[in-house]
Amino acid sequence: MPKLLAVDLDGTLFYPRRLSRCISKRNVRFLRRWIDAGNRVVLITSRSLEFVQKLEKEIQRPFDYMPCTSSLIFADGKCIKHTWMNNKELSEIFHQVDAKYKPRGIMLTAEGHPCVVYDPGRLSWFLLFMYKLWQIFQFKYRERVEIDNKLFLNLLENGKVYKVMTFFGFGKKKGVLSKEINKELREKYPEIESSWSLIVNELTPKGCNKGEGVEEYCKALNIAKEDVYVIGDSGNDIAMFQKFHENSYCMAHSYPSVKKYAKHIVTRVYKLDKLVLKGEK
């Protein structure tokens, strides 16, 4: 039976990072061999639809994708899922999170807007400058960014918002804080999905996590669970490690608190060529 590879992007398929392309040549060659063997690939990421579609030029093979952590699911060129957050609930959560946790910055992805940043006044001019500089040096990984509080609030109230990410600062301590806040948000706001990834928290519509996204994709395409292979590196990949544990792979550079949920550890995505495609141990 054909196999499915559900693969995360940042820190996974994009590891190691390159300047002239998003995906390393070895990872691209592996994906092509995998697809040419009659298998399927679905890219599942918190990145926007606009960004994911650009990867077609690098892979040069048919693949499916789930941007915004499966708020959108595309299979065989057709959108089979399109959901967004309830504006009223989202607005309430935004104001409560902003008042209680005081994040340094907040970003959302909405229809027609890959990345809109809200500055609550806690970003110093230096951090804002460094963020803009960081964006410039993202090269191929750069997404279209709008730093606009008015637009952010308008989309929050009226737009089709797929994802919200809150940034608390840099450093290991902020990563621990982000993880703790994620746990509290999951308990307090059951009407949304909350996950953490390094120094940010990610909010998506209910049911839009990577585990349920891959499961929904498999049901739509009649793919058996034992034929699904998942690979990722961060907190928002844990849901698919748990759903598809037998064939779950985590990147070796991931946090120990993430790696413990996966059954297997790998250093590169292309290592699955021997481990899975060729059936070697």
C-alpha atoms as a PDB file:
ATOM      1  CA  MET A   1       0.000   0.000   0.000  1.00  0.00           C
ATOM      2  CA  PRO A   2       1.159   3.572  -0.654  1.00  0.00           C
ATOM      3  CA  LYS A   3       2.666   5.334   2.351  1.00  0.00           C
ATOM      4  CA  LEU A   4       1.998   8.867   3.586  1.00  0.00           C
ATOM      5  CA  LEU A   5       4.729  11.124   4.928  1.00  0.00           C
ATOM      6  CA  ALA A   6       3.425  14.051   6.995  1.00  0.00           C
ATOM      7  CA  VAL A   7       6.357  16.388   7.501  1.00  0.00           C
ATOM      8  CA  ASP A   8       6.834  19.632   9.403  1.00  0.00           C
ATOM      9  CA  LEU A   9       8.830  22.454   7.782  1.00  0.00           C
ATOM     10  CA  ASP A  10      10.834  24.721  10.127  1.00  0.00           C
ATOM     11  CA  GLY A  11      13.414  22.748  12.066  1.00  0.00           C
ATOM     12  CA  THR A  12      12.504  19.576  10.161  1.00  0.00           C
ATOM     13  CA  LEU A  13      12.306  19.601   6.350  1.00  0.00           C
ATOM     14  CA  PHE A  14      14.084  22.985   6.426  1.00  0.00           C
ATOM     15  CA  TYR A  15      16.910  21.556   8.561  1.00  0.00           C
ATOM     16  CA  PRO A  16      19.707  22.322   7.946  1.00  0.00           C
ATOM     17  CA  ARG A  17      18.853  25.803   6.677  1.00  0.00           C
ATOM     18  CA  ARG A  18      20.140  26.983   3.305  1.00  0.00           C
ATOM     19  CA  LEU A  19      20.458  30.476   1.822  1.00  0.00           C
ATOM     20  CA  SER A  20      19.556  29.816  -1.812  1.00  0.00           C
ATOM     21  CA  ARG A  21      16.692  27.370  -1.211  1.00  0.00           C
ATOM     22  CA  CYS A  22      14.338  26.336   1.587  1.00  0.00           C
ATOM     23  CA  ILE A  23      14.901  22.572   1.363  1.00  0.00           C
ATOM     24  CA  SER A  24      18.341  20.967   1.240  1.00  0.00           C
ATOM     25  CA  LYS A  25      19.183  18.981  -1.893  1.00  0.00           C
ATOM     26  CA  ARG A  26      19.303  15.683   0.010  1.00  0.00           C
ATOM     27  CA  ASN A  27      15.852  16.254   1.484  1.00  0.00           C
ATOM     28  CA  VAL A  28      14.492  17.216  -1.949  1.00  0.00           C
ATOM     29  CA  ARG A  29      15.945  14.086  -3.548  1.00  0.00           C
ATOM     30  CA  PHE A  30      14.404  11.958  -0.800  1.00  0.00           C
ATOM     31  CA  LEU A  31      10.952  13.543  -1.269  1.00  0.00           C
ATOM     32  CA  ARG A  32      11.135  12.947  -5.025  1.00  0.00           C
ATOM     33  CA  ARG A  33      12.122   9.285  -4.556  1.00  0.00           C
ATOM     34  CA  TRP A  34       9.330   8.871  -2.015  1.00  0.00           C
ATOM     35  CA  ILE A  35       6.701  10.343  -4.353  1.00  0.00           C
ATOM     36  CA  ASP A  36       8.070   8.575  -7.445  1.00  0.00           C
ATOM     37  CA  ALA A  37       7.673   5.280  -5.557  1.00  0.00           C
ATOM     38  CA  GLY A  38       3.908   5.911  -5.482  1.00  0.00           C
ATOM     39  CA  ASN A  39       3.699   7.414  -1.998  1.00  0.00           C
ATOM     40  CA  ARG A  40       2.204  10.702  -0.819  1.00  0.00           C
ATOM     41  CA  VAL A  41       3.669  13.726   0.960  1.00  0.00           C
ATOM     42  CA  VAL A  42       1.716  16.279   2.962  1.00  0.00           C
ATOM     43  CA  LEU A  43       3.490  19.330   4.365  1.00  0.00           C
ATOM     44  CA  ILE A  44       1.970  20.331   7.702  1.00  0.00           C
ATOM     45  CA  THR A  45       3.092  23.637   9.124  1.00  0.00           C
ATOM     46  CA  SER A  46       2.055  26.754  11.003  1.00  0.00           C
ATOM     47  CA  ARG A  47       3.232  28.800   8.008  1.00  0.00           C
ATOM     48  CA  SER A  48       0.777  30.428   5.605  1.00  0.00           C
ATOM     49  CA  LEU A  49      -0.774  29.052   2.429  1.00  0.00           C
ATOM     50  CA  GLU A  50       1.013  31.744   0.425  1.00  0.00           C
ATOM     51  CA  PHE A  51       4.408  30.521   1.630  1.00  0.00           C
ATOM     52  CA  VAL A  52       3.793  26.762   1.301  1.00  0.00           C
ATOM     53  CA  GLN A  53       2.680  27.042  -2.319  1.00  0.00           C
ATOM     54  CA  LYS A  54       6.068  28.525  -3.218  1.00  0.00           C
ATOM     55  CA  LEU A  55       7.730  25.198  -2.388  1.00  0.00           C
ATOM     56  CA  GLU A  56       6.302  23.642  -5.559  1.00  0.00           C
ATOM     57  CA  LYS A  57       9.280  25.045  -7.495  1.00  0.00           C
ATOM     58  CA  GLU A  58      11.772  23.252  -5.235  1.00  0.00           C
ATOM     59  CA  ILE A  59      10.080  19.874  -4.895  1.00  0.00           C
ATOM     60  CA  GLN A  60       8.842  19.613  -8.501  1.00  0.00           C
ATOM     61  CA  ARG A  61       6.548  16.752  -7.616  1.00  0.00           C
ATOM     62  CA  PRO A  62       2.860  16.708  -6.597  1.00  0.00           C
ATOM     63  CA  PHE A  63       2.374  17.100  -2.855  1.00  0.00           C
ATOM     64  CA  ASP A  64      -0.413  18.113  -0.503  1.00  0.00           C
ATOM     65  CA  TYR A  65      -0.291  20.644   2.310  1.00  0.00           C
ATOM     66  CA  MET A  66      -1.877  21.760   5.560  1.00  0.00           C
ATOM     67  CA  PRO A  67      -0.899  25.373   6.286  1.00  0.00           C
ATOM     68  CA  CYS A  68      -1.834  27.199   9.486  1.00  0.00           C
ATOM     69  CA  THR A  69      -1.587  23.952  11.475  1.00  0.00           C
ATOM     70  CA  SER A  70      -4.388  22.312   9.430  1.00  0.00           C
ATOM     71  CA  SER A  71      -6.877  25.211   9.472  1.00  0.00           C
ATOM     72  CA  LEU A  72      -6.609  24.630   5.726  1.00  0.00           C
ATOM     73  CA  ILE A  73      -6.156  21.203   4.137  1.00  0.00           C
ATOM     74  CA  PHE A  74      -5.368  20.769   0.442  1.00  0.00           C
ATOM     75  CA  ALA A  75      -5.386  17.355  -1.245  1.00  0.00           C
ATOM     76  CA  ASP A  76      -4.814  16.778  -4.954  1.00  0.00           C
ATOM     77  CA  GLY A  77      -5.073  20.499  -5.596  1.00  0.00           C
ATOM     78  CA  LYS A  78      -8.457  20.872  -3.888  1.00  0.00           C
ATOM     79  CA  CYS A  79      -9.254  22.498  -0.545  1.00  0.00           C
ATOM     80  CA  ILE A  80     -11.008  19.861   1.581  1.00  0.00           C
ATOM     81  CA  LYS A  81     -11.009  21.872   4.807  1.00  0.00           C
ATOM     82  CA  HIS A  82     -11.285  25.613   5.458  1.00  0.00           C
ATOM     83  CA  THR A  83     -11.967  26.770   8.991  1.00  0.00           C
ATOM     84  CA  TRP A  84     -11.204  29.854  11.051  1.00  0.00           C
ATOM     85  CA  MET A  85     -11.566  31.094  14.609  1.00  0.00           C
ATOM     86  CA  ASN A  86     -14.724  32.607  16.067  1.00  0.00           C
ATOM     87  CA  ASN A  87     -14.099  36.363  15.993  1.00  0.00           C
ATOM     88  CA  LYS A  88     -15.938  37.143  19.219  1.00  0.00           C
ATOM     89  CA  GLU A  89     -14.201  34.412  21.215  1.00  0.00           C
ATOM     90  CA  LEU A  90     -10.849  35.262  19.664  1.00  0.00           C
ATOM     91  CA  SER A  91     -11.192  38.939  20.555  1.00  0.00           C
ATOM     92  CA  GLU A  92     -11.999  38.044  24.173  1.00  0.00           C
ATOM     93  CA  ILE A  93      -9.023  35.704  24.412  1.00  0.00           C
ATOM     94  CA  PHE A  94      -6.720  38.295  22.852  1.00  0.00           C
ATOM     95  CA  HIS A  95      -7.615  40.997  25.367  1.00  0.00           C
ATOM     96  CA  GLN A  96      -7.369  38.616  28.333  1.00  0.00           C
ATOM     97  CA  VAL A  97      -4.021  37.190  27.233  1.00  0.00           C
ATOM     98  CA  ASP A  98      -2.648  40.666  26.510  1.00  0.00           C
ATOM     99  CA  ALA A  99      -3.718  41.973  29.930  1.00  0.00           C
ATOM    100  CA  LYS A 100      -2.608  38.980  32.019  1.00  0.00           C
ATOM    101  CA  TYR A 101       0.510  37.650  30.309  1.00  0.00           C
ATOM    102  CA  LYS A 102       1.733  40.855  28.636  1.00  0.00           C
ATOM    103  CA  PRO A 103       3.397  39.285  25.578  1.00  0.00           C
ATOM    104  CA  ARG A 104       6.064  41.282  23.788  1.00  0.00           C
ATOM    105  CA  GLY A 105       4.292  40.916  20.446  1.00  0.00           C
ATOM    106  CA  ILE A 106       1.367  39.106  18.805  1.00  0.00           C
ATOM    107  CA  MET A 107       1.021  37.879  15.240  1.00  0.00           C
ATOM    108  CA  LEU A 108      -1.920  36.484  13.292  1.00  0.00           C
ATOM    109  CA  THR A 109      -2.462  34.801   9.952  1.00  0.00           C
ATOM    110  CA  ALA A 110      -5.743  35.516   8.182  1.00  0.00           C
ATOM    111  CA  GLU A 111      -7.194  35.120   4.717  1.00  0.00           C
ATOM    112  CA  GLY A 112      -5.119  37.307   2.408  1.00  0.00           C
ATOM    113  CA  HIS A 113      -2.648  38.235   5.166  1.00  0.00           C
ATOM    114  CA  PRO A 114       0.192  35.738   5.878  1.00  0.00           C
ATOM    115  CA  CYS A 115       1.610  37.654   8.837  1.00  0.00           C
ATOM    116  CA  VAL A 116       0.162  40.700  10.625  1.00  0.00           C
ATOM    117  CA  VAL A 117       2.059  41.833  13.734  1.00  0.00           C
ATOM    118  CA  TYR A 118       0.526  43.711  16.673  1.00  0.00           C
ATOM    119  CA  ASP A 119       2.915  45.746  18.812  1.00  0.00           C
ATOM    120  CA  PRO A 120       1.376  46.253  22.288  1.00  0.00           C
ATOM    121  CA  GLY A 121       4.036  48.840  23.127  1.00  0.00           C
ATOM    122  CA  ARG A 122       6.295  46.338  24.895  1.00  0.00           C
ATOM    123  CA  LEU A 123       8.703  45.982  22.002  1.00  0.00           C
ATOM    124  CA  SER A 124      11.605  48.370  22.391  1.00  0.00           C
ATOM    125  CA  TRP A 125      12.798  50.197  19.292  1.00  0.00           C
ATOM    126  CA  PHE A 126      15.853  47.930  19.391  1.00  0.00           C
ATOM    127  CA  LEU A 127      13.804  44.695  19.404  1.00  0.00           C
ATOM    128  CA  LEU A 128      11.583  46.027  16.630  1.00  0.00           C
ATOM    129  CA  PHE A 129      14.658  46.960  14.610  1.00  0.00           C
ATOM    130  CA  MET A 130      16.188  43.527  15.224  1.00  0.00           C
ATOM    131  CA  TYR A 131      12.948  41.831  14.161  1.00  0.00           C
ATOM    132  CA  LYS A 132      12.904  43.763  10.884  1.00  0.00           C
ATOM    133  CA  LEU A 133      16.586  42.957  10.370  1.00  0.00           C
ATOM    134  CA  TRP A 134      15.907  39.290  11.145  1.00  0.00           C
ATOM    135  CA  GLN A 135      13.151  39.288   8.525  1.00  0.00           C
ATOM    136  CA  ILE A 136      15.533  40.644   5.898  1.00  0.00           C
ATOM    137  CA  PHE A 137      18.036  37.859   6.575  1.00  0.00           C
ATOM    138  CA  GLN A 138      15.413  35.125   6.350  1.00  0.00           C
ATOM    139  CA  PHE A 139      16.051  35.115   2.597  1.00  0.00           C
ATOM    140  CA  LYS A 140      14.032  32.242   1.076  1.00  0.00           C
ATOM    141  CA  TYR A 141      12.235  31.636   4.395  1.00  0.00           C
ATOM    142  CA  ARG A 142      10.810  35.153   4.562  1.00  0.00           C
ATOM    143  CA  GLU A 143       7.038  35.653   4.675  1.00  0.00           C
ATOM    144  CA  ARG A 144       5.133  38.818   3.817  1.00  0.00           C
ATOM    145  CA  VAL A 145       4.839  40.779   7.077  1.00  0.00           C
ATOM    146  CA  GLU A 146       2.635  43.754   7.986  1.00  0.00           C
ATOM    147  CA  ILE A 147       3.284  45.542  11.292  1.00  0.00           C
ATOM    148  CA  ASP A 148      -0.045  47.325  11.695  1.00  0.00           C
ATOM    149  CA  ASN A 149      -2.054  47.459  14.933  1.00  0.00           C
ATOM    150  CA  LYS A 150      -5.167  48.856  13.249  1.00  0.00           C
ATOM    151  CA  LEU A 151      -5.209  46.113  10.603  1.00  0.00           C
ATOM    152  CA  PHE A 152      -4.553  43.469  13.268  1.00  0.00           C
ATOM    153  CA  LEU A 153      -7.521  44.557  15.400  1.00  0.00           C
ATOM    154  CA  ASN A 154      -9.782  44.821  12.356  1.00  0.00           C
ATOM    155  CA  LEU A 155      -8.929  41.261  11.268  1.00  0.00           C
ATOM    156  CA  LEU A 156      -9.397  40.096  14.847  1.00  0.00           C
ATOM    157  CA  GLU A 157     -12.953  41.429  14.813  1.00  0.00           C
ATOM    158  CA  ASN A 158     -13.974  40.734  11.211  1.00  0.00           C
ATOM    159  CA  GLY A 159     -11.433  38.587   9.351  1.00  0.00           C
ATOM    160  CA  LYS A 160     -11.040  34.876   8.755  1.00  0.00           C
ATOM    161  CA  VAL A 161      -8.231  34.279  11.265  1.00  0.00           C
ATOM    162  CA  TYR A 162      -6.491  30.903  11.001  1.00  0.00           C
ATOM    163  CA  LYS A 163      -3.757  31.300  13.578  1.00  0.00           C
ATOM    164  CA  VAL A 164      -2.524  33.599  16.362  1.00  0.00           C
ATOM    165  CA  MET A 165       0.997  33.451  17.808  1.00  0.00           C
ATOM    166  CA  THR A 166       2.100  35.238  20.980  1.00  0.00           C
ATOM    167  CA  PHE A 167       5.766  36.054  21.556  1.00  0.00           C
ATOM    168  CA  PHE A 168       7.068  36.406  25.109  1.00  0.00           C
ATOM    169  CA  GLY A 169      10.749  37.136  24.575  1.00  0.00           C
ATOM    170  CA  PHE A 170      14.066  35.419  23.939  1.00  0.00           C
ATOM    171  CA  GLY A 171      15.976  32.833  25.927  1.00  0.00           C
ATOM    172  CA  LYS A 172      15.473  29.465  27.589  1.00  0.00           C
ATOM    173  CA  LYS A 173      13.458  30.943  30.467  1.00  0.00           C
ATOM    174  CA  LYS A 174      10.972  32.432  28.014  1.00  0.00           C
ATOM    175  CA  GLY A 175      10.647  29.027  26.381  1.00  0.00           C
ATOM    176  CA  VAL A 176       9.766  27.480  29.744  1.00  0.00           C
ATOM    177  CA  LEU A 177       7.314  30.310  30.407  1.00  0.00           C
ATOM    178  CA  SER A 178       5.715  29.782  26.999  1.00  0.00           C
ATOM    179  CA  LYS A 179       5.230  26.094  27.770  1.00  0.00           C
ATOM    180  CA  GLU A 180       3.647  26.862  31.166  1.00  0.00           C
ATOM    181  CA  ILE A 181       1.299  29.450  29.669  1.00  0.00           C
ATOM    182  CA  ASN A 182       0.321  26.968  26.954  1.00  0.00           C
ATOM    183  CA  LYS A 183      -0.849  24.509  29.610  1.00  0.00           C
ATOM    184  CA  GLU A 184      -2.911  27.203  31.309  1.00  0.00           C
ATOM    185  CA  LEU A 185      -4.482  28.354  28.024  1.00  0.00           C
ATOM    186  CA  ARG A 186      -5.469  24.802  27.105  1.00  0.00           C
ATOM    187  CA  GLU A 187      -7.286  24.437  30.430  1.00  0.00           C
ATOM    188  CA  LYS A 188      -8.905  27.884  30.449  1.00  0.00           C
ATOM    189  CA  TYR A 189      -9.948  28.145  26.783  1.00  0.00           C
ATOM    190  CA  PRO A 190     -11.125  24.691  25.618  1.00  0.00           C
ATOM    191  CA  GLU A 191     -12.801  26.276  22.564  1.00  0.00           C
ATOM    192  CA  ILE A 192      -9.393  26.768  20.909  1.00  0.00           C
ATOM    193  CA  GLU A 193      -6.280  24.712  20.247  1.00  0.00           C
ATOM    194  CA  SER A 194      -3.152  25.914  22.022  1.00  0.00           C
ATOM    195  CA  SER A 195       0.381  24.631  21.493  1.00  0.00           C
ATOM    196  CA  TRP A 196       3.869  25.919  22.166  1.00  0.00           C
ATOM    197  CA  SER A 197       6.909  26.113  19.963  1.00  0.00           C
ATOM    198  CA  LEU A 198      10.128  27.402  21.521  1.00  0.00           C
ATOM    199  CA  ILE A 199       9.378  30.984  22.668  1.00  0.00           C
ATOM    200  CA  VAL A 200       5.860  31.388  21.273  1.00  0.00           C
ATOM    201  CA  ASN A 201       2.357  30.087  21.861  1.00  0.00           C
ATOM    202  CA  GLU A 202       0.193  29.161  18.913  1.00  0.00           C
ATOM    203  CA  LEU A 203      -3.617  29.376  18.907  1.00  0.00           C
ATOM    204  CA  THR A 204      -5.707  27.749  16.172  1.00  0.00           C
ATOM    205  CA  PRO A 205      -9.387  26.798  15.739  1.00  0.00           C
ATOM    206  CA  LYS A 206     -10.684  23.854  17.745  1.00  0.00           C
ATOM    207  CA  GLY A 207      -9.663  20.609  16.065  1.00  0.00           C
ATOM    208  CA  CYS A 208      -6.865  22.297  14.117  1.00  0.00           C
ATOM    209  CA  ASN A 209      -3.787  20.634  15.535  1.00  0.00           C
ATOM    210  CA  LYS A 210      -1.347  18.529  13.557  1.00  0.00           C
ATOM    211  CA  GLY A 211      -2.573  15.219  14.926  1.00  0.00           C
ATOM    212  CA  GLU A 212      -6.236  15.763  14.071  1.00  0.00           C
ATOM    213  CA  GLY A 213      -5.261  17.411  10.786  1.00  0.00           C
ATOM    214  CA  VAL A 214      -3.354  14.348   9.570  1.00  0.00           C
ATOM    215  CA  GLU A 215      -6.133  12.067  10.838  1.00  0.00           C
ATOM    216  CA  GLU A 216      -8.777  14.063   8.935  1.00  0.00           C
ATOM    217  CA  TYR A 217      -6.624  14.023   5.799  1.00  0.00           C
ATOM    218  CA  CYS A 218      -6.248  10.232   6.044  1.00  0.00           C
ATOM    219  CA  LYS A 219      -9.991   9.712   6.413  1.00  0.00           C
ATOM    220  CA  ALA A 220     -10.680  11.843   3.339  1.00  0.00           C
ATOM    221  CA  LEU A 221      -8.175   9.870   1.243  1.00  0.00           C
ATOM    222  CA  ASN A 222      -8.806   6.453   2.851  1.00  0.00           C
ATOM    223  CA  ILE A 223      -5.223   6.024   4.111  1.00  0.00           C
ATOM    224  CA  ALA A 224      -4.653   3.407   6.816  1.00  0.00           C
ATOM    225  CA  LYS A 225      -3.039   4.535  10.075  1.00  0.00           C
ATOM    226  CA  GLU A 226      -0.222   1.974   9.801  1.00  0.00           C
ATOM    227  CA  ASP A 227       0.820   3.539   6.474  1.00  0.00           C
ATOM    228  CA  VAL A 228       1.317   7.006   7.980  1.00  0.00           C
ATOM    229  CA  TYR A 229       4.757   8.347   8.911  1.00  0.00           C
ATOM    230  CA  VAL A 230       5.061  11.659  10.755  1.00  0.00           C
ATOM    231  CA  ILE A 231       8.133  13.753  11.464  1.00  0.00           C
ATOM    232  CA  GLY A 232       8.604  17.043  13.320  1.00  0.00           C
ATOM    233  CA  ASP A 233      10.680  18.863  15.903  1.00  0.00           C
ATOM    234  CA  SER A 234       8.608  21.106  18.173  1.00  0.00           C
ATOM    235  CA  GLY A 235       5.701  21.316  20.597  1.00  0.00           C
ATOM    236  CA  ASN A 236       3.013  21.638  17.964  1.00  0.00           C
ATOM    237  CA  ASP A 237       4.192  18.308  16.458  1.00  0.00           C
ATOM    238  CA  ILE A 238       3.456  16.361  19.654  1.00  0.00           C
ATOM    239  CA  ALA A 239      -0.204  15.852  18.687  1.00  0.00           C
ATOM    240  CA  MET A 240       0.763  13.897  15.559  1.00  0.00           C
ATOM    241  CA  PHE A 241       3.466  11.958  17.458  1.00  0.00           C
ATOM    242  CA  GLN A 242       0.715  10.778  19.799  1.00  0.00           C
ATOM    243  CA  LYS A 243      -1.840   9.988  17.074  1.00  0.00           C
ATOM    244  CA  PHE A 244       0.648   8.082  14.913  1.00  0.00           C
ATOM    245  CA  HIS A 245       3.135   6.964  17.535  1.00  0.00           C
ATOM    246  CA  GLU A 246       4.319   3.724  15.917  1.00  0.00           C
ATOM    247  CA  ASN A 247       5.747   5.598  12.919  1.00  0.00           C
ATOM    248  CA  SER A 248       6.611   8.891  14.618  1.00  0.00           C
ATOM    249  CA  TYR A 249      10.018  10.520  14.140  1.00  0.00           C
ATOM    250  CA  CYS A 250      11.454  13.500  15.989  1.00  0.00           C
ATOM    251  CA  MET A 251      14.524  15.522  15.048  1.00  0.00           C
ATOM    252  CA  ALA A 252      17.567  14.918  17.244  1.00  0.00           C
ATOM    253  CA  HIS A 253      18.053  18.630  17.950  1.00  0.00           C
ATOM    254  CA  SER A 254      14.577  18.972  19.496  1.00  0.00           C
ATOM    255  CA  TYR A 255      13.890  19.664  23.172  1.00  0.00           C
ATOM    256  CA  PRO A 256      13.862  16.521  25.375  1.00  0.00           C
ATOM    257  CA  SER A 257      10.291  17.407  26.383  1.00  0.00           C
ATOM    258  CA  VAL A 258       9.290  17.004  22.708  1.00  0.00           C
ATOM    259  CA  LYS A 259      11.464  14.011  21.794  1.00  0.00           C
ATOM    260  CA  LYS A 260       9.946  11.872  24.543  1.00  0.00           C
ATOM    261  CA  TYR A 261       6.636  11.738  22.643  1.00  0.00           C
ATOM    262  CA  ALA A 262       8.096  10.249  19.447  1.00  0.00           C
ATOM    263  CA  LYS A 263       9.085   6.614  19.016  1.00  0.00           C
ATOM    264  CA  HIS A 264      12.099   7.288  16.793  1.00  0.00           C
ATOM    265  CA  ILE A 265      14.817   9.959  16.606  1.00  0.00           C
ATOM    266  CA  VAL A 266      16.527  11.062  13.367  1.00  0.00           C
ATOM    267  CA  THR A 267      19.106  13.712  12.500  1.00  0.00           C
ATOM    268  CA  ARG A 268      17.780  14.526   9.008  1.00  0.00           C
ATOM    269  CA  VAL A 269      14.541  13.963   7.077  1.00  0.00           C
ATOM    270  CA  TYR A 270      16.361  12.167   4.255  1.00  0.00           C
ATOM    271  CA  LYS A 271      17.437   9.467   6.738  1.00  0.00           C
ATOM    272  CA  LEU A 272      13.923   8.056   6.277  1.00  0.00           C
ATOM    273  CA  ASP A 273      15.086   6.915   2.836  1.00  0.00           C
ATOM    274  CA  LYS A 274      16.830   3.901   4.372  1.00  0.00           C
ATOM    275  CA  LEU A 275      14.703   3.632   7.496  1.00  0.00           C
ATOM    276  CA  VAL A 276      11.333   3.600   5.738  1.00  0.00           C
ATOM    277  CA  LEU A 277      11.519   3.695   1.943  1.00  0.00           C
ATOM    278  CA  LYS A 278      14.138   0.948   1.667  1.00  0.00           C
ATOM    279  CA  GLY A 279      13.022  -0.802   4.854  1.00  0.00           C
ATOM    280  CA  GLU A 280      16.459  -0.921   6.481  1.00  0.00           C
ATOM    281  CA  LYS A 281      16.936  -0.750  10.274  1.00  0.00           C
END
